N, C-alpha and C. Protein backbone atom coordinates (compact mmCIF):
# COMPACT_ATOMS: atom_id res chain seq x y z
N UNK A 1 32.47 -39.38 1.96
CA UNK A 1 31.79 -40.56 1.46
C UNK A 1 30.29 -40.37 1.63
N UNK A 2 29.48 -40.65 0.57
CA UNK A 2 28.03 -40.49 0.67
C UNK A 2 27.43 -41.44 1.71
N UNK A 3 26.36 -40.98 2.33
CA UNK A 3 25.73 -41.76 3.39
C UNK A 3 24.75 -42.81 2.85
N UNK A 4 24.12 -42.54 1.72
CA UNK A 4 23.15 -43.49 1.18
C UNK A 4 23.52 -43.85 -0.25
N UNK A 5 22.89 -44.90 -0.74
CA UNK A 5 23.14 -45.33 -2.12
C UNK A 5 22.60 -44.32 -3.12
N UNK A 6 21.51 -43.64 -2.78
CA UNK A 6 20.96 -42.62 -3.69
C UNK A 6 21.94 -41.48 -3.88
N UNK A 7 22.61 -41.06 -2.82
CA UNK A 7 23.61 -40.00 -2.94
C UNK A 7 24.78 -40.46 -3.79
N UNK A 8 25.16 -41.73 -3.62
CA UNK A 8 26.25 -42.28 -4.43
C UNK A 8 25.84 -42.32 -5.91
N UNK A 9 24.60 -42.73 -6.19
CA UNK A 9 24.11 -42.72 -7.57
C UNK A 9 24.15 -41.31 -8.15
N UNK A 10 23.77 -40.32 -7.35
CA UNK A 10 23.79 -38.94 -7.80
C UNK A 10 25.18 -38.47 -8.15
N UNK A 11 26.18 -38.93 -7.42
CA UNK A 11 27.56 -38.54 -7.71
C UNK A 11 28.09 -39.22 -8.97
N UNK A 12 27.59 -40.40 -9.25
CA UNK A 12 28.07 -41.13 -10.42
C UNK A 12 27.45 -40.62 -11.72
N UNK A 13 26.35 -39.92 -11.63
CA UNK A 13 25.71 -39.37 -12.83
C UNK A 13 26.44 -38.08 -13.20
N UNK A 14 27.39 -38.19 -14.09
CA UNK A 14 28.27 -37.07 -14.37
C UNK A 14 27.87 -36.27 -15.59
N UNK A 15 26.71 -36.52 -16.13
CA UNK A 15 26.29 -35.81 -17.35
C UNK A 15 25.21 -34.80 -16.99
N UNK A 16 25.59 -33.58 -16.61
CA UNK A 16 24.56 -32.57 -16.28
C UNK A 16 24.12 -31.80 -17.52
N UNK A 17 22.86 -31.52 -17.60
CA UNK A 17 22.28 -30.70 -18.67
C UNK A 17 21.31 -29.72 -18.04
N UNK A 18 21.16 -28.57 -18.66
CA UNK A 18 20.23 -27.57 -18.15
C UNK A 18 18.97 -27.58 -19.01
N UNK A 19 17.83 -27.65 -18.38
CA UNK A 19 16.55 -27.64 -19.07
C UNK A 19 15.58 -26.76 -18.30
N UNK A 20 14.55 -26.29 -19.00
CA UNK A 20 13.48 -25.52 -18.37
C UNK A 20 12.28 -26.44 -18.21
N UNK A 21 11.66 -26.41 -17.05
CA UNK A 21 10.51 -27.26 -16.80
C UNK A 21 9.31 -26.67 -17.53
N UNK A 22 8.68 -27.48 -18.38
CA UNK A 22 7.49 -27.06 -19.12
C UNK A 22 6.25 -27.54 -18.38
N UNK A 23 5.10 -27.13 -18.85
CA UNK A 23 3.84 -27.56 -18.22
C UNK A 23 3.65 -29.07 -18.31
N UNK A 24 4.16 -29.65 -19.40
CA UNK A 24 3.98 -31.09 -19.58
C UNK A 24 5.23 -31.88 -19.19
N UNK A 25 6.14 -31.29 -18.45
CA UNK A 25 7.32 -32.00 -17.96
C UNK A 25 8.61 -31.44 -18.53
N UNK A 26 9.63 -32.23 -18.46
CA UNK A 26 10.95 -31.84 -18.97
C UNK A 26 11.19 -32.60 -20.27
N UNK A 27 11.56 -31.87 -21.32
CA UNK A 27 11.84 -32.48 -22.61
C UNK A 27 13.34 -32.68 -22.74
N UNK A 28 13.73 -33.93 -23.05
CA UNK A 28 15.14 -34.24 -23.19
C UNK A 28 15.29 -35.42 -24.15
N UNK A 29 16.12 -35.27 -25.16
CA UNK A 29 16.38 -36.30 -26.16
C UNK A 29 15.10 -36.82 -26.82
N UNK A 30 14.16 -35.94 -27.08
CA UNK A 30 12.92 -36.32 -27.74
C UNK A 30 11.94 -37.04 -26.83
N UNK A 31 12.25 -37.16 -25.57
CA UNK A 31 11.38 -37.82 -24.60
C UNK A 31 10.82 -36.77 -23.65
N UNK A 32 9.74 -37.12 -22.97
CA UNK A 32 9.12 -36.22 -21.99
C UNK A 32 9.14 -36.91 -20.64
N UNK A 33 9.73 -36.24 -19.67
CA UNK A 33 9.88 -36.80 -18.33
C UNK A 33 8.95 -36.06 -17.38
N UNK A 34 8.21 -36.83 -16.58
CA UNK A 34 7.21 -36.25 -15.69
C UNK A 34 7.43 -36.68 -14.24
N UNK A 35 7.01 -35.80 -13.35
CA UNK A 35 6.95 -36.10 -11.93
C UNK A 35 6.03 -35.06 -11.31
N UNK A 36 5.16 -35.46 -10.36
CA UNK A 36 4.28 -34.48 -9.72
C UNK A 36 5.05 -33.42 -8.94
N UNK A 37 6.25 -33.73 -8.54
CA UNK A 37 7.07 -32.80 -7.76
C UNK A 37 7.53 -31.60 -8.59
N UNK A 38 7.47 -31.72 -9.91
CA UNK A 38 7.94 -30.64 -10.79
C UNK A 38 6.94 -29.49 -10.94
N UNK A 39 5.73 -29.64 -10.44
CA UNK A 39 4.69 -28.62 -10.63
C UNK A 39 5.13 -27.22 -10.16
N UNK A 40 5.76 -27.04 -9.01
CA UNK A 40 6.15 -25.68 -8.62
C UNK A 40 7.32 -25.11 -9.43
N UNK A 41 7.97 -25.95 -10.22
CA UNK A 41 9.15 -25.50 -10.96
C UNK A 41 8.84 -25.14 -12.42
N UNK A 42 7.58 -25.10 -12.81
CA UNK A 42 7.21 -24.81 -14.20
C UNK A 42 7.74 -23.43 -14.59
N UNK A 43 8.46 -23.39 -15.69
CA UNK A 43 9.03 -22.14 -16.19
C UNK A 43 10.40 -21.83 -15.63
N UNK A 44 10.88 -22.61 -14.69
CA UNK A 44 12.19 -22.35 -14.08
C UNK A 44 13.24 -23.30 -14.67
N UNK A 45 14.46 -22.81 -14.79
CA UNK A 45 15.53 -23.71 -15.28
C UNK A 45 15.99 -24.64 -14.16
N UNK A 46 16.25 -25.87 -14.52
CA UNK A 46 16.76 -26.87 -13.58
C UNK A 46 17.92 -27.60 -14.24
N UNK A 47 18.66 -28.33 -13.45
CA UNK A 47 19.75 -29.16 -13.96
C UNK A 47 19.30 -30.60 -13.87
N UNK A 48 19.50 -31.32 -14.95
CA UNK A 48 19.16 -32.74 -14.94
C UNK A 48 20.45 -33.54 -15.06
N UNK A 49 20.44 -34.69 -14.46
CA UNK A 49 21.55 -35.63 -14.59
C UNK A 49 20.96 -36.97 -14.96
N UNK A 50 21.67 -37.69 -15.81
CA UNK A 50 21.15 -38.98 -16.27
C UNK A 50 22.29 -39.94 -16.49
N UNK A 51 21.93 -41.19 -16.53
CA UNK A 51 22.87 -42.25 -16.83
C UNK A 51 22.73 -42.57 -18.31
N UNK A 52 23.77 -42.42 -19.12
CA UNK A 52 23.65 -42.68 -20.55
C UNK A 52 23.26 -44.13 -20.87
N UNK A 53 23.47 -45.04 -19.93
CA UNK A 53 23.09 -46.43 -20.15
C UNK A 53 21.63 -46.68 -19.86
N UNK A 54 20.96 -45.73 -19.18
CA UNK A 54 19.53 -45.89 -18.86
C UNK A 54 18.89 -44.51 -18.81
N UNK A 55 18.26 -44.10 -19.92
CA UNK A 55 17.63 -42.79 -19.98
C UNK A 55 16.12 -42.87 -19.77
N UNK A 56 15.67 -43.94 -19.12
CA UNK A 56 14.24 -44.04 -18.83
C UNK A 56 13.86 -43.14 -17.65
N UNK A 57 14.87 -42.67 -16.91
CA UNK A 57 14.60 -41.73 -15.82
C UNK A 57 15.76 -40.74 -15.71
N UNK A 58 15.45 -39.56 -15.24
CA UNK A 58 16.46 -38.53 -15.01
C UNK A 58 16.31 -38.00 -13.60
N UNK A 59 17.37 -37.48 -13.06
CA UNK A 59 17.33 -36.87 -11.74
C UNK A 59 17.35 -35.36 -11.93
N UNK A 60 16.49 -34.68 -11.22
CA UNK A 60 16.31 -33.23 -11.38
C UNK A 60 16.88 -32.53 -10.15
N UNK A 61 17.70 -31.49 -10.40
CA UNK A 61 18.31 -30.70 -9.34
C UNK A 61 17.99 -29.23 -9.54
N UNK A 62 17.76 -28.53 -8.45
CA UNK A 62 17.55 -27.09 -8.48
C UNK A 62 18.64 -26.47 -7.62
N UNK A 63 19.57 -25.77 -8.26
CA UNK A 63 20.72 -25.18 -7.56
C UNK A 63 21.45 -26.22 -6.72
N UNK A 64 21.80 -27.34 -7.34
CA UNK A 64 22.52 -28.45 -6.71
C UNK A 64 21.77 -29.10 -5.56
N UNK A 65 20.47 -28.88 -5.47
CA UNK A 65 19.63 -29.54 -4.47
C UNK A 65 18.75 -30.53 -5.20
N UNK A 66 18.77 -31.78 -4.76
CA UNK A 66 17.99 -32.82 -5.40
C UNK A 66 16.50 -32.52 -5.25
N UNK A 67 15.78 -32.57 -6.37
CA UNK A 67 14.34 -32.30 -6.35
C UNK A 67 13.56 -33.60 -6.46
N UNK A 68 13.79 -34.37 -7.54
CA UNK A 68 13.03 -35.60 -7.75
C UNK A 68 13.67 -36.43 -8.85
N UNK A 69 13.08 -37.58 -9.06
CA UNK A 69 13.42 -38.42 -10.20
C UNK A 69 12.23 -38.35 -11.15
N UNK A 70 12.47 -37.88 -12.36
CA UNK A 70 11.40 -37.79 -13.36
C UNK A 70 11.51 -39.00 -14.28
N UNK A 71 10.36 -39.55 -14.64
CA UNK A 71 10.30 -40.79 -15.41
C UNK A 71 9.72 -40.52 -16.79
N UNK A 72 10.26 -41.21 -17.77
CA UNK A 72 9.73 -41.14 -19.13
C UNK A 72 8.43 -41.94 -19.16
N UNK A 73 7.30 -41.25 -19.33
CA UNK A 73 6.00 -41.91 -19.29
C UNK A 73 5.77 -42.84 -20.47
N UNK A 74 6.43 -42.60 -21.59
CA UNK A 74 6.24 -43.45 -22.77
C UNK A 74 6.89 -44.83 -22.58
N UNK A 75 7.97 -44.89 -21.80
CA UNK A 75 8.69 -46.15 -21.57
C UNK A 75 8.98 -46.31 -20.08
N UNK A 76 7.96 -46.46 -19.24
CA UNK A 76 8.19 -46.43 -17.80
C UNK A 76 8.97 -47.62 -17.24
N UNK A 77 8.80 -48.81 -17.78
CA UNK A 77 9.45 -49.99 -17.21
C UNK A 77 10.54 -50.55 -18.10
N UNK A 78 10.96 -49.79 -19.08
CA UNK A 78 12.00 -50.27 -19.99
C UNK A 78 13.30 -49.55 -19.69
N UNK A 79 14.36 -50.29 -19.80
CA UNK A 79 15.68 -49.70 -19.61
C UNK A 79 16.25 -49.42 -20.99
N UNK A 80 16.27 -48.15 -21.37
CA UNK A 80 16.75 -47.74 -22.69
C UNK A 80 18.05 -46.97 -22.54
N UNK A 81 19.02 -47.30 -23.37
CA UNK A 81 20.26 -46.53 -23.34
C UNK A 81 20.20 -45.45 -24.41
N UNK A 82 21.02 -44.46 -24.25
CA UNK A 82 21.09 -43.36 -25.21
C UNK A 82 21.53 -43.90 -26.57
N UNK A 83 22.42 -44.86 -26.58
CA UNK A 83 22.89 -45.45 -27.83
C UNK A 83 21.76 -46.18 -28.56
N UNK A 84 20.91 -46.88 -27.83
CA UNK A 84 19.78 -47.58 -28.45
C UNK A 84 18.80 -46.60 -29.08
N UNK A 85 18.55 -45.49 -28.40
CA UNK A 85 17.64 -44.48 -28.93
C UNK A 85 18.20 -43.88 -30.21
N UNK A 86 19.50 -43.54 -30.20
CA UNK A 86 20.12 -42.95 -31.39
C UNK A 86 20.14 -43.95 -32.55
N UNK A 87 20.38 -45.23 -32.25
CA UNK A 87 20.38 -46.25 -33.30
C UNK A 87 18.99 -46.40 -33.90
N UNK A 88 17.96 -46.40 -33.06
CA UNK A 88 16.59 -46.51 -33.55
C UNK A 88 16.22 -45.30 -34.40
N UNK A 89 16.66 -44.12 -34.00
CA UNK A 89 16.36 -42.92 -34.78
C UNK A 89 17.04 -42.96 -36.15
N UNK A 90 18.31 -43.41 -36.18
CA UNK A 90 19.00 -43.52 -37.47
C UNK A 90 18.31 -44.52 -38.38
N UNK A 91 17.90 -45.66 -37.83
CA UNK A 91 17.21 -46.66 -38.64
C UNK A 91 15.88 -46.11 -39.17
N UNK A 92 15.17 -45.37 -38.35
CA UNK A 92 13.90 -44.78 -38.78
C UNK A 92 14.13 -43.76 -39.89
N UNK A 93 15.18 -42.92 -39.75
CA UNK A 93 15.50 -41.94 -40.79
C UNK A 93 15.84 -42.62 -42.10
N UNK A 94 16.65 -43.69 -42.03
CA UNK A 94 17.01 -44.43 -43.25
C UNK A 94 15.77 -45.00 -43.92
N UNK A 95 14.86 -45.57 -43.12
CA UNK A 95 13.64 -46.15 -43.67
C UNK A 95 12.77 -45.08 -44.34
N UNK A 96 12.64 -43.93 -43.68
CA UNK A 96 11.84 -42.84 -44.27
C UNK A 96 12.46 -42.34 -45.56
N UNK A 97 13.81 -42.20 -45.57
CA UNK A 97 14.49 -41.76 -46.78
C UNK A 97 14.27 -42.75 -47.92
N UNK A 98 14.35 -44.05 -47.61
CA UNK A 98 14.13 -45.09 -48.61
C UNK A 98 12.70 -45.02 -49.14
N UNK A 99 11.72 -44.85 -48.23
CA UNK A 99 10.32 -44.76 -48.65
C UNK A 99 10.09 -43.55 -49.56
N UNK A 100 10.70 -42.43 -49.22
CA UNK A 100 10.55 -41.23 -50.06
C UNK A 100 11.18 -41.44 -51.43
N UNK A 101 12.37 -42.04 -51.45
CA UNK A 101 13.03 -42.27 -52.74
C UNK A 101 12.25 -43.26 -53.60
N UNK A 102 11.57 -44.21 -52.98
CA UNK A 102 10.76 -45.15 -53.74
C UNK A 102 9.52 -44.48 -54.33
N UNK A 103 9.04 -43.46 -53.68
CA UNK A 103 7.84 -42.77 -54.17
C UNK A 103 8.13 -41.81 -55.32
N UNK A 104 9.35 -41.36 -55.40
CA UNK A 104 9.70 -40.42 -56.47
C UNK A 104 9.70 -41.17 -57.80
N UNK A 105 8.90 -40.69 -58.74
CA UNK A 105 8.86 -41.40 -60.03
C UNK A 105 10.19 -41.27 -60.76
N UNK A 106 10.59 -42.35 -61.33
CA UNK A 106 11.85 -42.37 -62.08
C UNK A 106 11.53 -42.36 -63.57
N UNK A 107 12.29 -41.66 -64.31
CA UNK A 107 12.11 -41.62 -65.75
C UNK A 107 13.03 -42.67 -66.35
N UNK A 108 12.42 -43.64 -67.01
CA UNK A 108 13.20 -44.77 -67.54
C UNK A 108 14.17 -44.31 -68.63
N UNK A 109 13.63 -43.65 -69.61
CA UNK A 109 14.49 -43.20 -70.70
C UNK A 109 14.27 -41.71 -70.88
N UNK A 110 15.32 -41.00 -70.72
CA UNK A 110 15.21 -39.55 -70.88
C UNK A 110 15.36 -39.21 -72.36
N UNK A 111 14.59 -38.23 -72.76
CA UNK A 111 14.70 -37.76 -74.14
C UNK A 111 15.95 -36.92 -74.26
N UNK A 112 16.51 -36.98 -75.45
CA UNK A 112 17.67 -36.12 -75.68
C UNK A 112 17.18 -34.69 -75.77
N UNK A 113 17.94 -33.77 -75.27
CA UNK A 113 17.50 -32.38 -75.35
C UNK A 113 17.41 -31.93 -76.81
N UNK A 114 16.39 -31.16 -77.07
CA UNK A 114 16.19 -30.67 -78.44
C UNK A 114 17.27 -29.66 -78.78
N UNK A 115 17.80 -29.85 -79.95
CA UNK A 115 18.79 -28.88 -80.42
C UNK A 115 18.12 -28.03 -81.48
N UNK A 116 18.00 -26.78 -81.21
CA UNK A 116 17.38 -25.88 -82.18
C UNK A 116 18.47 -25.10 -82.88
N UNK A 117 18.17 -24.74 -84.09
CA UNK A 117 19.14 -23.94 -84.85
C UNK A 117 19.26 -22.58 -84.17
N UNK A 118 20.45 -22.08 -84.11
CA UNK A 118 20.60 -20.78 -83.47
C UNK A 118 19.81 -19.71 -84.22
N UNK A 119 19.14 -18.88 -83.47
CA UNK A 119 18.32 -17.84 -84.08
C UNK A 119 19.21 -16.81 -84.76
N UNK A 120 18.73 -16.35 -85.92
CA UNK A 120 19.49 -15.35 -86.66
C UNK A 120 19.28 -14.02 -85.95
N UNK A 121 20.36 -13.44 -85.60
CA UNK A 121 20.26 -12.16 -84.89
C UNK A 121 20.11 -11.03 -85.90
N UNK A 122 19.12 -10.28 -85.70
CA UNK A 122 18.90 -9.12 -86.55
C UNK A 122 19.49 -7.91 -85.86
N UNK A 123 20.00 -7.07 -86.64
CA UNK A 123 20.57 -5.86 -86.06
C UNK A 123 19.45 -4.95 -85.59
N UNK A 124 19.73 -4.20 -84.61
CA UNK A 124 18.73 -3.31 -84.06
C UNK A 124 18.52 -2.07 -84.93
N UNK A 125 19.46 -1.85 -85.84
CA UNK A 125 19.38 -0.71 -86.73
C UNK A 125 18.42 -1.03 -87.86
N UNK A 126 17.40 -0.19 -88.03
CA UNK A 126 16.43 -0.43 -89.10
C UNK A 126 16.96 0.13 -90.41
N UNK A 127 16.81 -0.65 -91.41
CA UNK A 127 17.21 -0.16 -92.73
C UNK A 127 15.99 -0.15 -93.64
N UNK A 128 15.98 0.74 -94.55
CA UNK A 128 14.87 0.86 -95.48
C UNK A 128 15.31 0.44 -96.86
N UNK A 129 14.38 0.06 -97.69
CA UNK A 129 14.70 -0.38 -99.03
C UNK A 129 15.36 0.73 -99.83
N UNK A 130 14.99 1.94 -99.53
CA UNK A 130 15.53 3.07 -100.29
C UNK A 130 17.01 3.25 -100.00
N UNK A 131 17.48 2.82 -98.82
CA UNK A 131 18.89 3.00 -98.44
C UNK A 131 19.80 2.00 -99.15
N UNK A 132 19.27 0.95 -99.69
CA UNK A 132 20.11 -0.06 -100.28
C UNK A 132 20.50 0.26 -101.65
């Protein structure tokens, strides 16, 4: 049995992912997570665990040793679920697709394709008037 609530929270986060720590933090699901504790881990792979109901913060582990809690700087005090983020992305994609389709000019009445008389094929063999 875990001794503290933080250890219990760590056990309940069952979604592990492997990420490499970049200079500007850890990138996950289009978000950037930062913590000053991550500075010595730049360029090294780490394991992150998160709660799908709240992806505003992730827990970072190095070889199953807890390192820190990294926070999404863009949404520090908001509780965002993974489902909400995916729904917002789908809505944004639909809106962009609609905007693009509205910008494409539509041709009201298309002209009928021109029908040309088939070209008379001439034989490749040259004939002279004297041969006729």
